[in-house]
PDB file of N, CA and C in Angstrom:
ATOM      1  N   MET A   1      44.469   6.372   6.081  1.00  0.00           N
ATOM      2  CA  MET A   1      45.695   5.787   5.739  1.00  0.00           C
ATOM      3  C   MET A   1      45.057   4.558   4.740  1.00  0.00           C
ATOM      4  N   ALA A   2      43.933   3.639   4.713  1.00  0.00           N
ATOM      5  CA  ALA A   2      43.366   2.836   3.892  1.00  0.00           C
ATOM      6  C   ALA A   2      43.488   3.481   2.526  1.00  0.00           C
ATOM      7  N   PHE A   3      42.862   4.754   2.340  1.00  0.00           N
ATOM      8  CA  PHE A   3      43.120   5.192   0.949  1.00  0.00           C
ATOM      9  C   PHE A   3      44.417   5.261   0.498  1.00  0.00           C
ATOM     10  N   GLY A   4      45.541   5.357   0.887  1.00  0.00           N
ATOM     11  CA  GLY A   4      46.922   5.235   0.687  1.00  0.00           C
ATOM     12  C   GLY A   4      47.194   3.821  -0.055  1.00  0.00           C
ATOM     13  N   HIS A   5      46.937   3.058   0.834  1.00  0.00           N
ATOM     14  CA  HIS A   5      46.772   1.637   0.487  1.00  0.00           C
ATOM     15  C   HIS A   5      46.142   1.177  -0.966  1.00  0.00           C
ATOM     16  N   GLY A   6      45.014   1.601  -1.163  1.00  0.00           N
ATOM     17  CA  GLY A   6      43.937   1.679  -2.341  1.00  0.00           C
ATOM     18  C   GLY A   6      44.744   2.248  -3.354  1.00  0.00           C
ATOM     19  N   MET A   7      45.322   3.588  -2.982  1.00  0.00           N
ATOM     20  CA  MET A   7      45.816   4.374  -4.272  1.00  0.00           C
ATOM     21  C   MET A   7      46.910   3.796  -4.783  1.00  0.00           C
ATOM     22  N   GLU A   8      47.730   3.115  -3.819  1.00  0.00           N
ATOM     23  CA  GLU A   8      49.003   2.341  -4.658  1.00  0.00           C
ATOM     24  C   GLU A   8      48.764   1.071  -5.121  1.00  0.00           C
ATOM     25  N   LYS A   9      47.536   0.575  -4.626  1.00  0.00           N
ATOM     26  CA  LYS A   9      46.979  -0.646  -5.471  1.00  0.00           C
ATOM     27  C   LYS A   9      46.519  -0.358  -6.868  1.00  0.00           C
ATOM     28  N   LEU A  10      45.846   0.753  -6.827  1.00  0.00           N
ATOM     29  CA  LEU A  10      45.349   1.468  -8.001  1.00  0.00           C
ATOM     30  C   LEU A  10      46.478   1.648  -9.340  1.00  0.00           C
ATOM     31  N   VAL A  11      47.481   2.520  -8.526  1.00  0.00           N
ATOM     32  CA  VAL A  11      48.408   2.889  -9.449  1.00  0.00           C
ATOM     33  C   VAL A  11      49.152   1.937 -10.065  1.00  0.00           C
ATOM     34  N   HIS A  12      49.489   0.716  -9.479  1.00  0.00           N
ATOM     35  CA  HIS A  12      50.261  -0.405  -9.766  1.00  0.00           C
ATOM     36  C   HIS A  12      49.280  -1.517 -10.001  1.00  0.00           C
ATOM     37  N   PHE A  13      48.431  -1.479 -10.648  1.00  0.00           N
ATOM     38  CA  PHE A  13      47.697  -2.412 -10.769  1.00  0.00           C
ATOM     39  C   PHE A  13      47.857  -3.649 -11.797  1.00  0.00           C
ATOM     40  N   GLN A  14      48.302  -3.400 -12.673  1.00  0.00           N
ATOM     41  CA  GLN A  14      49.220  -4.391 -13.679  1.00  0.00           C
ATOM     42  C   GLN A  14      50.295  -5.099 -13.200  1.00  0.00           C
ATOM     43  N   THR A  15      51.105  -4.432 -12.310  1.00  0.00           N
ATOM     44  CA  THR A  15      52.133  -5.379 -11.474  1.00  0.00           C
ATOM     45  C   THR A  15      51.508  -6.029 -10.449  1.00  0.00           C
ATOM     46  N   LYS A  16      50.850  -5.535  -9.555  1.00  0.00           N
ATOM     47  CA  LYS A  16      50.139  -6.201  -8.326  1.00  0.00           C
ATOM     48  C   LYS A  16      49.263  -7.345  -8.698  1.00  0.00           C
ATOM     49  N   SER A  17      48.555  -7.245 -10.075  1.00  0.00           N
ATOM     50  CA  SER A  17      47.357  -8.238 -10.441  1.00  0.00           C
ATOM     51  C   SER A  17      47.878  -9.469 -10.295  1.00  0.00           C
ATOM     52  N   ALA A  18      49.586  -9.604 -10.667  1.00  0.00           N
ATOM     53  CA  ALA A  18      50.027 -10.788 -11.223  1.00  0.00           C
ATOM     54  C   ALA A  18      50.510 -11.583  -9.985  1.00  0.00           C
ATOM     55  N   THR A  19      50.550 -10.965  -8.832  1.00  0.00           N
ATOM     56  CA  THR A  19      51.137 -11.356  -7.390  1.00  0.00           C
ATOM     57  C   THR A  19      50.095 -11.175  -6.317  1.00  0.00           C
ATOM     58  N   PHE A  20      48.939 -10.721  -6.624  1.00  0.00           N
ATOM     59  CA  PHE A  20      48.077 -10.409  -5.554  1.00  0.00           C
ATOM     60  C   PHE A  20      47.330 -11.841  -5.069  1.00  0.00           C
ATOM     61  N   PRO A  21      47.511 -12.138  -3.766  1.00  0.00           N
ATOM     62  CA  PRO A  21      46.638 -13.151  -3.161  1.00  0.00           C
ATOM     63  C   PRO A  21      45.505 -13.610  -3.852  1.00  0.00           C
ATOM     64  N   SER A  22      44.898 -14.442  -4.158  1.00  0.00           N
ATOM     65  CA  SER A  22      43.461 -15.183  -4.913  1.00  0.00           C
ATOM     66  C   SER A  22      42.757 -15.516  -3.402  1.00  0.00           C
ATOM     67  N   VAL A  23      41.534 -14.890  -3.237  1.00  0.00           N
ATOM     68  CA  VAL A  23      40.893 -15.214  -1.992  1.00  0.00           C
ATOM     69  C   VAL A  23      39.778 -15.805  -2.350  1.00  0.00           C
ATOM     70  N   PHE A  24      39.353 -16.822  -1.554  1.00  0.00           N
ATOM     71  CA  PHE A  24      38.186 -17.504  -2.018  1.00  0.00           C
ATOM     72  C   PHE A  24      37.763 -17.962  -3.382  1.00  0.00           C
ATOM     73  N   GLY A  25      39.074 -18.432  -3.935  1.00  0.00           N
ATOM     74  CA  GLY A  25      38.868 -18.897  -5.253  1.00  0.00           C
ATOM     75  C   GLY A  25      38.658 -17.958  -6.413  1.00  0.00           C
ATOM     76  N   MET A  26      38.579 -16.533  -5.968  1.00  0.00           N
ATOM     77  CA  MET A  26      38.285 -15.458  -6.917  1.00  0.00           C
ATOM     78  C   MET A  26      39.056 -15.249  -8.006  1.00  0.00           C
ATOM     79  N   GLY A  27      40.559 -15.544  -7.898  1.00  0.00           N
ATOM     80  CA  GLY A  27      41.548 -15.301  -8.794  1.00  0.00           C
ATOM     81  C   GLY A  27      41.950 -13.949  -8.271  1.00  0.00           C
ATOM     82  N   SER A  28      43.457 -13.611  -8.372  1.00  0.00           N
ATOM     83  CA  SER A  28      43.863 -12.570  -8.168  1.00  0.00           C
ATOM     84  C   SER A  28      43.367 -11.093  -8.402  1.00  0.00           C
ATOM     85  N   LYS A  29      43.143 -11.245 -10.086  1.00  0.00           N
ATOM     86  CA  LYS A  29      42.986  -9.891 -10.563  1.00  0.00           C
ATOM     87  C   LYS A  29      41.417  -9.405  -9.705  1.00  0.00           C
ATOM     88  N   VAL A  30      40.371 -10.119  -9.522  1.00  0.00           N
ATOM     89  CA  VAL A  30      39.068  -9.938  -8.936  1.00  0.00           C
ATOM     90  C   VAL A  30      39.662  -9.649  -7.442  1.00  0.00           C
ATOM     91  N   SER A  31      40.205 -10.396  -6.766  1.00  0.00           N
ATOM     92  CA  SER A  31      40.850 -10.008  -5.297  1.00  0.00           C
ATOM     93  C   SER A  31      41.119  -8.643  -5.245  1.00  0.00           C
ATOM     94  N   LEU A  32      42.065  -8.219  -6.153  1.00  0.00           N
ATOM     95  CA  LEU A  32      42.724  -7.003  -6.200  1.00  0.00           C
ATOM     96  C   LEU A  32      41.595  -5.831  -6.331  1.00  0.00           C
ATOM     97  N   ILE A  33      40.844  -6.178  -7.390  1.00  0.00           N
ATOM     98  CA  ILE A  33      39.718  -5.119  -7.497  1.00  0.00           C
ATOM     99  C   ILE A  33      38.662  -4.802  -6.483  1.00  0.00           C
ATOM    100  N   LEU A  34      38.423  -5.963  -5.695  1.00  0.00           N
ATOM    101  CA  LEU A  34      37.705  -5.565  -4.597  1.00  0.00           C
ATOM    102  C   LEU A  34      38.444  -4.976  -3.797  1.00  0.00           C
ATOM    103  N   ALA A  35      39.791  -5.445  -3.353  1.00  0.00           N
ATOM    104  CA  ALA A  35      40.589  -4.558  -2.522  1.00  0.00           C
ATOM    105  C   ALA A  35      40.572  -3.118  -2.743  1.00  0.00           C
ATOM    106  N   ILE A  36      40.727  -2.736  -3.974  1.00  0.00           N
ATOM    107  CA  ILE A  36      40.763  -1.819  -4.611  1.00  0.00           C
ATOM    108  C   ILE A  36      39.501  -0.712  -4.199  1.00  0.00           C
ATOM    109  N   PHE A  37      38.499  -1.424  -4.478  1.00  0.00           N
ATOM    110  CA  PHE A  37      37.037  -0.807  -4.144  1.00  0.00           C
ATOM    111  C   PHE A  37      36.891  -0.377  -3.059  1.00  0.00           C
ATOM    112  N   ALA A  38      37.357  -1.280  -1.765  1.00  0.00           N
ATOM    113  CA  ALA A  38      37.291  -1.112  -0.624  1.00  0.00           C
ATOM    114  C   ALA A  38      38.450  -0.085  -0.218  1.00  0.00           C
ATOM    115  N   GLU A  39      39.628  -0.186  -0.169  1.00  0.00           N
ATOM    116  CA  GLU A  39      40.669   0.642   0.313  1.00  0.00           C
ATOM    117  C   GLU A  39      40.532   2.157  -0.482  1.00  0.00           C
ATOM    118  N   PHE A  40      40.146   2.076  -1.502  1.00  0.00           N
ATOM    119  CA  PHE A  40      40.426   3.590  -2.184  1.00  0.00           C
ATOM    120  C   PHE A  40      38.945   4.228  -2.280  1.00  0.00           C
ATOM    121  N   PHE A  41      37.952   3.597  -2.945  1.00  0.00           N
ATOM    122  CA  PHE A  41      36.729   4.430  -3.082  1.00  0.00           C
ATOM    123  C   PHE A  41      35.924   4.216  -1.681  1.00  0.00           C
ATOM    124  N   CYS A  42      35.764   3.092  -0.944  1.00  0.00           N
ATOM    125  CA  CYS A  42      34.972   3.136   0.186  1.00  0.00           C
ATOM    126  C   CYS A  42      35.621   3.928   1.015  1.00  0.00           C
ATOM    127  N   ALA A  43      36.987   4.061   1.110  1.00  0.00           N
ATOM    128  CA  ALA A  43      37.592   4.919   2.166  1.00  0.00           C
ATOM    129  C   ALA A  43      37.656   6.539   1.839  1.00  0.00           C
ATOM    130  N   ILE A  44      37.094   6.855   0.627  1.00  0.00           N
ATOM    131  CA  ILE A  44      36.795   8.277   0.194  1.00  0.00           C
ATOM    132  C   ILE A  44      35.578   8.538   0.890  1.00  0.00           C
ATOM    133  N   ALA A  45      34.393   7.553   0.749  1.00  0.00           N
ATOM    134  CA  ALA A  45      33.322   7.890   1.054  1.00  0.00           C
ATOM    135  C   ALA A  45      33.304   7.936   2.863  1.00  0.00           C
ATOM    136  N   VAL A  46      34.019   7.279   3.363  1.00  0.00           N
ATOM    137  CA  VAL A  46      34.549   7.054   5.191  1.00  0.00           C
ATOM    138  C   VAL A  46      34.881   8.538   5.314  1.00  0.00           C
ATOM    139  N   MET A  47      35.887   9.350   4.610  1.00  0.00           N
ATOM    140  CA  MET A  47      36.581  10.220   5.014  1.00  0.00           C
ATOM    141  C   MET A  47      35.491  11.437   4.576  1.00  0.00           C
ATOM    142  N   ALA A  48      34.561  11.412   3.839  1.00  0.00           N
ATOM    143  CA  ALA A  48      33.620  12.273   3.541  1.00  0.00           C
ATOM    144  C   ALA A  48      32.611  12.222   4.519  1.00  0.00           C
ATOM    145  N   GLY A  49      32.222  10.873   5.078  1.00  0.00           N
ATOM    146  CA  GLY A  49      31.178  10.950   5.682  1.00  0.00           C
ATOM    147  C   GLY A  49      29.903  10.723   5.119  1.00  0.00           C
ATOM    148  N   PHE A  50      30.116  10.026   3.804  1.00  0.00           N
ATOM    149  CA  PHE A  50      28.839   9.813   2.910  1.00  0.00           C
ATOM    150  C   PHE A  50      28.684   8.109   2.947  1.00  0.00           C
ATOM    151  N   ALA A  51      27.555   7.879   3.462  1.00  0.00           N
ATOM    152  CA  ALA A  51      27.057   6.611   3.387  1.00  0.00           C
ATOM    153  C   ALA A  51      27.930   5.618   4.226  1.00  0.00           C
ATOM    154  N   THR A  52      28.513   6.281   5.482  1.00  0.00           N
ATOM    155  CA  THR A  52      29.304   5.792   6.172  1.00  0.00           C
ATOM    156  C   THR A  52      29.515   4.325   6.710  1.00  0.00           C
ATOM    157  N   ARG A  53      28.294   4.074   7.140  1.00  0.00           N
ATOM    158  CA  ARG A  53      28.460   2.668   7.789  1.00  0.00           C
ATOM    159  C   ARG A  53      27.966   1.511   6.359  1.00  0.00           C
ATOM    160  N   LEU A  54      27.460   2.080   5.366  1.00  0.00           N
ATOM    161  CA  LEU A  54      27.637   1.024   4.258  1.00  0.00           C
ATOM    162  C   LEU A  54      28.916   0.877   3.538  1.00  0.00           C
ATOM    163  N   ALA A  55      29.815   2.205   3.739  1.00  0.00           N
ATOM    164  CA  ALA A  55      31.029   2.129   3.011  1.00  0.00           C
ATOM    165  C   ALA A  55      31.957   1.667   3.879  1.00  0.00           C
ATOM    166  N   ALA A  56      31.843   1.263   5.290  1.00  0.00           N
ATOM    167  CA  ALA A  56      32.568   0.679   6.269  1.00  0.00           C
ATOM    168  C   ALA A  56      32.501  -1.042   6.018  1.00  0.00           C
ATOM    169  N   ILE A  57      31.531  -1.318   5.553  1.00  0.00           N
ATOM    170  CA  ILE A  57      31.308  -2.922   5.493  1.00  0.00           C
ATOM    171  C   ILE A  57      32.425  -3.284   4.153  1.00  0.00           C
ATOM    172  N   PRO A  58      32.686  -2.812   3.200  1.00  0.00           N
ATOM    173  CA  PRO A  58      33.636  -3.604   2.437  1.00  0.00           C
ATOM    174  C   PRO A  58      35.118  -3.261   2.810  1.00  0.00           C
ATOM    175  N   LEU A  59      35.268  -2.362   3.642  1.00  0.00           N
ATOM    176  CA  LEU A  59      36.448  -2.050   4.403  1.00  0.00           C
ATOM    177  C   LEU A  59      36.505  -2.811   5.588  1.00  0.00           C
ATOM    178  N   LEU A  60      35.642  -3.315   6.471  1.00  0.00           N
ATOM    179  CA  LEU A  60      35.555  -4.399   7.250  1.00  0.00           C
ATOM    180  C   LEU A  60      36.141  -5.833   6.874  1.00  0.00           C
ATOM    181  N   VAL A  61      35.252  -5.946   5.647  1.00  0.00           N
ATOM    182  CA  VAL A  61      35.372  -7.462   4.987  1.00  0.00           C
ATOM    183  C   VAL A  61      36.926  -7.569   4.724  1.00  0.00           C
ATOM    184  N   THR A  62      37.571  -6.594   3.791  1.00  0.00           N
ATOM    185  CA  THR A  62      38.885  -6.458   3.471  1.00  0.00           C
ATOM    186  C   THR A  62      39.808  -6.771   4.456  1.00  0.00           C
ATOM    187  N   MET A  63      39.731  -5.863   5.507  1.00  0.00           N
ATOM    188  CA  MET A  63      40.696  -6.201   6.664  1.00  0.00           C
ATOM    189  C   MET A  63      40.546  -7.248   7.457  1.00  0.00           C
ATOM    190  N   ALA A  64      39.255  -7.649   7.541  1.00  0.00           N
ATOM    191  CA  ALA A  64      39.275  -9.127   8.310  1.00  0.00           C
ATOM    192  C   ALA A  64      39.815  -9.989   7.262  1.00  0.00           C
ATOM    193  N   VAL A  65      39.883 -10.180   6.011  1.00  0.00           N
ATOM    194  CA  VAL A  65      40.528 -11.421   5.255  1.00  0.00           C
ATOM    195  C   VAL A  65      41.863 -11.277   5.269  1.00  0.00           C
ATOM    196  N   ALA A  66      42.546  -9.683   5.458  1.00  0.00           N
ATOM    197  CA  ALA A  66      44.052  -9.420   5.296  1.00  0.00           C
ATOM    198  C   ALA A  66      44.215 -10.029   6.822  1.00  0.00           C
ATOM    199  N   PHE A  67      43.808  -9.895   7.677  1.00  0.00           N
ATOM    200  CA  PHE A  67      44.242 -10.072   9.228  1.00  0.00           C
ATOM    201  C   PHE A  67      44.128 -11.663   9.256  1.00  0.00           C
ATOM    202  N   PHE A  68      42.800 -12.272   9.031  1.00  0.00           N
ATOM    203  CA  PHE A  68      42.779 -13.744   9.528  1.00  0.00           C
ATOM    204  C   PHE A  68      42.852 -14.723   8.344  1.00  0.00           C
ATOM    205  N   ILE A  69      43.130 -14.171   6.837  1.00  0.00           N
ATOM    206  CA  ILE A  69      43.334 -15.133   5.654  1.00  0.00           C
ATOM    207  C   ILE A  69      44.583 -14.847   5.523  1.00  0.00           C
ATOM    208  N   ILE A  70      45.064 -13.678   4.813  1.00  0.00           N
ATOM    209  CA  ILE A  70      46.118 -13.476   3.984  1.00  0.00           C
ATOM    210  C   ILE A  70      47.439 -13.212   5.389  1.00  0.00           C
ATOM    211  N   HIS A  71      47.497 -12.761   6.067  1.00  0.00           N
ATOM    212  CA  HIS A  71      48.092 -12.887   7.255  1.00  0.00           C
ATOM    213  C   HIS A  71      48.135 -13.597   8.284  1.00  0.00           C
ATOM    214  N   GLY A  72      47.332 -14.583   8.458  1.00  0.00           N
ATOM    215  CA  GLY A  72      46.869 -15.707   9.234  1.00  0.00           C
ATOM    216  C   GLY A  72      48.029 -16.472   9.955  1.00  0.00           C
ATOM    217  N   ASN A  73      48.738 -16.733   9.123  1.00  0.00           N
ATOM    218  CA  ASN A  73      50.172 -17.476   9.530  1.00  0.00           C
ATOM    219  C   ASN A  73      51.311 -16.868  10.187  1.00  0.00           C
ATOM    220  N   ASP A  74      50.915 -15.398   9.693  1.00  0.00           N
ATOM    221  CA  ASP A  74      52.464 -14.408   9.935  1.00  0.00           C
ATOM    222  C   ASP A  74      52.277 -14.192  11.594  1.00  0.00           C
ATOM    223  N   PRO A  75      53.735 -13.595  11.819  1.00  0.00           N
ATOM    224  CA  PRO A  75      53.650 -13.019  13.424  1.00  0.00           C
ATOM    225  C   PRO A  75      52.724 -11.907  13.552  1.00  0.00           C
ATOM    226  N   PHE A  76      52.331 -11.661  14.616  1.00  0.00           N
ATOM    227  CA  PHE A  76      51.383 -10.759  14.887  1.00  0.00           C
ATOM    228  C   PHE A  76      51.868  -9.198  14.449  1.00  0.00           C
ATOM    229  N   SER A  77      53.235  -9.031  14.409  1.00  0.00           N
ATOM    230  CA  SER A  77      53.818  -7.867  14.180  1.00  0.00           C
ATOM    231  C   SER A  77      53.498  -7.666  12.729  1.00  0.00           C
ATOM    232  N   HIS A  78      53.207  -8.536  11.663  1.00  0.00           N
ATOM    233  CA  HIS A  78      52.760  -8.464  10.262  1.00  0.00           C
ATOM    234  C   HIS A  78      51.362  -8.427  10.289  1.00  0.00           C
ATOM    235  N   ARG A  79      50.550  -8.988  11.274  1.00  0.00           N
ATOM    236  CA  ARG A  79      48.942  -8.555  11.220  1.00  0.00           C
ATOM    237  C   ARG A  79      48.656  -7.448  11.991  1.00  0.00           C
ATOM    238  N   GLU A  80      49.395  -6.855  12.430  1.00  0.00           N
ATOM    239  CA  GLU A  80      48.960  -5.610  13.240  1.00  0.00           C
ATOM    240  C   GLU A  80      48.167  -4.612  12.824  1.00  0.00           C
ATOM    241  N   LEU A  81      48.793  -4.308  11.683  1.00  0.00           N
ATOM    242  CA  LEU A  81      48.208  -2.729  11.161  1.00  0.00           C
ATOM    243  C   LEU A  81      46.789  -3.113  10.394  1.00  0.00           C
ATOM    244  N   SER A  82      46.517  -4.384   9.564  1.00  0.00           N
ATOM    245  CA  SER A  82      45.029  -4.867   9.421  1.00  0.00           C
ATOM    246  C   SER A  82      44.408  -4.992  10.726  1.00  0.00           C
ATOM    247  N   GLY A  83      44.966  -5.472  11.688  1.00  0.00           N
ATOM    248  CA  GLY A  83      44.064  -5.609  13.098  1.00  0.00           C
ATOM    249  C   GLY A  83      43.649  -4.494  13.585  1.00  0.00           C
ATOM    250  N   LEU A  84      44.634  -3.162  13.238  1.00  0.00           N
ATOM    251  CA  LEU A  84      43.944  -1.907  13.827  1.00  0.00           C
ATOM    252  C   LEU A  84      43.135  -1.273  12.860  1.00  0.00           C
ATOM    253  N   TYR A  85      43.119  -1.306  11.648  1.00  0.00           N
ATOM    254  CA  TYR A  85      42.296  -1.107  10.769  1.00  0.00           C
ATOM    255  C   TYR A  85      40.756  -1.907  10.964  1.00  0.00           C
ATOM    256  N   LEU A  86      41.036  -3.058  11.194  1.00  0.00           N
ATOM    257  CA  LEU A  86      39.675  -3.713  11.222  1.00  0.00           C
ATOM    258  C   LEU A  86      38.976  -3.145  12.601  1.00  0.00           C
ATOM    259  N   VAL A  87      39.460  -3.246  13.625  1.00  0.00           N
ATOM    260  CA  VAL A  87      39.096  -2.328  14.729  1.00  0.00           C
ATOM    261  C   VAL A  87      38.493  -0.820  14.653  1.00  0.00           C
ATOM    262  N   GLY A  88      39.205  -0.380  13.758  1.00  0.00           N
ATOM    263  CA  GLY A  88      38.704   1.162  13.407  1.00  0.00           C
ATOM    264  C   GLY A  88      37.668   1.106  12.643  1.00  0.00           C
ATOM    265  N   PHE A  89      37.481   0.734  11.487  1.00  0.00           N
ATOM    266  CA  PHE A  89      36.465   0.383  10.757  1.00  0.00           C
ATOM    267  C   PHE A  89      35.104  -0.382  11.544  1.00  0.00           C
ATOM    268  N   ALA A  90      35.432  -1.173  12.267  1.00  0.00           N
ATOM    269  CA  ALA A  90      34.148  -1.846  13.009  1.00  0.00           C
ATOM    270  C   ALA A  90      33.833  -0.524  14.082  1.00  0.00           C
ATOM    271  N   LEU A  91      34.649   0.134  14.570  1.00  0.00           N
ATOM    272  CA  LEU A  91      33.837   1.446  15.468  1.00  0.00           C
ATOM    273  C   LEU A  91      33.380   2.382  14.500  1.00  0.00           C
ATOM    274  N   ILE A  92      33.901   2.549  13.289  1.00  0.00           N
ATOM    275  CA  ILE A  92      33.146   3.563  12.368  1.00  0.00           C
ATOM    276  C   ILE A  92      31.791   2.815  11.878  1.00  0.00           C
ATOM    277  N   PHE A  93      31.768   1.812  11.717  1.00  0.00           N
ATOM    278  CA  PHE A  93      30.625   1.032  11.480  1.00  0.00           C
ATOM    279  C   PHE A  93      29.411   1.000  12.228  1.00  0.00           C
ATOM    280  N   MET A  94      30.108   0.818  13.792  1.00  0.00           N
ATOM    281  CA  MET A  94      28.879   0.975  14.895  1.00  0.00           C
ATOM    282  C   MET A  94      28.389   2.265  15.028  1.00  0.00           C
ATOM    283  N   ASN A  95      29.597   3.192  14.998  1.00  0.00           N
ATOM    284  CA  ASN A  95      28.926   4.782  15.516  1.00  0.00           C
ATOM    285  C   ASN A  95      28.388   5.653  14.346  1.00  0.00           C
ATOM    286  N   GLY A  96      28.843   5.107  12.993  1.00  0.00           N
ATOM    287  CA  GLY A  96      28.233   5.896  12.051  1.00  0.00           C
ATOM    288  C   GLY A  96      29.012   7.443  11.585  1.00  0.00           C
ATOM    289  N   ALA A  97      28.786   8.221  10.792  1.00  0.00           N
ATOM    290  CA  ALA A  97      29.221   9.382  10.874  1.00  0.00           C
ATOM    291  C   ALA A  97      28.959  10.228  11.611  1.00  0.00           C
ATOM    292  N   GLY A  98      29.815  11.406  12.013  1.00  0.00           N
ATOM    293  CA  GLY A  98      29.564  12.491  12.925  1.00  0.00           C
ATOM    294  C   GLY A  98      28.811  13.650  12.358  1.00  0.00           C
ATOM    295  N   ASN A  99      28.493  14.574  13.206  1.00  0.00           N
ATOM    296  CA  ASN A  99      27.805  15.743  12.721  1.00  0.00           C
ATOM    297  C   ASN A  99      28.502  16.671  11.634  1.00  0.00           C
ATOM    298  N   TRP A 100      29.666  16.523  11.570  1.00  0.00           N
ATOM    299  CA  TRP A 100      30.608  17.376  10.531  1.00  0.00           C
ATOM    300  C   TRP A 100      30.674  16.273   9.344  1.00  0.00           C
ATOM    301  N   SER A 101      29.813  15.772   8.921  1.00  0.00           N
ATOM    302  CA  SER A 101      29.856  14.917   7.789  1.00  0.00           C
ATOM    303  C   SER A 101      28.718  14.897   6.597  1.00  0.00           C
ATOM    304  N   ILE A 102      28.737  14.464   5.595  1.00  0.00           N
ATOM    305  CA  ILE A 102      27.714  14.803   4.609  1.00  0.00           C
ATOM    306  C   ILE A 102      26.354  13.790   5.314  1.00  0.00           C
ATOM    307  N   ASP A 103      26.606  12.646   5.814  1.00  0.00           N
ATOM    308  CA  ASP A 103      25.569  12.021   6.542  1.00  0.00           C
ATOM    309  C   ASP A 103      24.990  12.893   7.606  1.00  0.00           C
ATOM    310  N   GLY A 104      25.907  13.638   8.372  1.00  0.00           N
ATOM    311  CA  GLY A 104      25.366  14.625   9.520  1.00  0.00           C
ATOM    312  C   GLY A 104      24.480  15.574   8.817  1.00  0.00           C
ATOM    313  N   LEU A 105      24.947  16.263   7.833  1.00  0.00           N
ATOM    314  CA  LEU A 105      24.194  17.263   7.096  1.00  0.00           C
ATOM    315  C   LEU A 105      22.881  16.948   6.503  1.00  0.00           C
ATOM    316  N   LEU A 106      22.762  15.845   5.915  1.00  0.00           N
ATOM    317  CA  LEU A 106      21.610  15.328   5.261  1.00  0.00           C
ATOM    318  C   LEU A 106      20.667  14.857   6.835  1.00  0.00           C
ATOM    319  N   ASN A 107      21.234  14.388   7.555  1.00  0.00           N
ATOM    320  CA  ASN A 107      20.172  13.982   8.920  1.00  0.00           C
ATOM    321  C   ASN A 107      19.803  15.326   9.459  1.00  0.00           C
ATOM    322  N   GLN A 108      20.570  16.636   9.242  1.00  0.00           N
ATOM    323  CA  GLN A 108      19.643  17.697   9.965  1.00  0.00           C
ATOM    324  C   GLN A 108      18.784  18.164   9.154  1.00  0.00           C
ATOM    325  N   ASP A 109      18.804  18.153   7.789  1.00  0.00           N
ATOM    326  CA  ASP A 109      17.795  18.597   6.909  1.00  0.00           C
ATOM    327  C   ASP A 109      16.386  17.241   6.851  1.00  0.00           C
ATOM    328  N   GLY A 110      16.755  16.531   7.495  1.00  0.00           N
ATOM    329  CA  GLY A 110      15.605  15.422   7.579  1.00  0.00           C
ATOM    330  C   GLY A 110      15.779  14.184   6.376  1.00  0.00           C
ATOM    331  N   PHE A 111      16.824  14.233   5.718  1.00  0.00           N
ATOM    332  CA  PHE A 111      16.717  13.278   4.490  1.00  0.00           C
ATOM    333  C   PHE A 111      17.115  11.800   5.064  1.00  0.00           C
ATOM    334  N   LEU A 112      17.735  11.808   6.303  1.00  0.00           N
ATOM    335  CA  LEU A 112      18.259  10.375   6.712  1.00  0.00           C
ATOM    336  C   LEU A 112      17.477  10.298   8.043  1.00  0.00           C
ATOM    337  N   ARG A 113      17.207   9.346   8.746  1.00  0.00           N
ATOM    338  CA  ARG A 113      16.793   9.144   9.989  1.00  0.00           C
ATOM    339  C   ARG A 113      17.564   8.256  10.625  1.00  0.00           C
ATOM    340  N   LYS A 114      18.099   8.608  11.866  1.00  0.00           N
ATOM    341  CA  LYS A 114      18.784   7.888  12.810  1.00  0.00           C
ATOM    342  C   LYS A 114      18.018   6.895  13.726  1.00  0.00           C
ATOM    343  N   SER A 115      18.367   5.451  13.479  1.00  0.00           N
ATOM    344  CA  SER A 115      17.225   4.842  14.530  1.00  0.00           C
ATOM    345  C   SER A 115      18.046   4.723  15.741  1.00  0.00           C
ATOM    346  N   ARG A 116      17.615   4.725  17.098  1.00  0.00           N
ATOM    347  CA  ARG A 116      18.126   4.653  18.072  1.00  0.00           C
ATOM    348  C   ARG A 116      17.433   3.814  19.052  1.00  0.00           C
TER     349      ARG A 116
END
């Protein structure tokens, strides 16, 4: 679902860059580029199960910024979706990819080692 939000931002980059919130003084264009990177490209990596934990980090940061900063003063009903994504990506970060993923396939062949 984050992929869909990223795709929408990517397709409408020109119109969104003028009104996208500037976060941490980076400017709206840079903030939008970082959001697209997380929501589009990192979401693809998570869906494929490739570098899952690493790809979840930008998604976690993006959803935390959306929940606590962008929608921080909004009613909970407006913050709910970013909060759900935040929890979901935190769980993905903690658990990593499953056996039916690129990470899982590489781990079977001994390319990656799980530390437990």
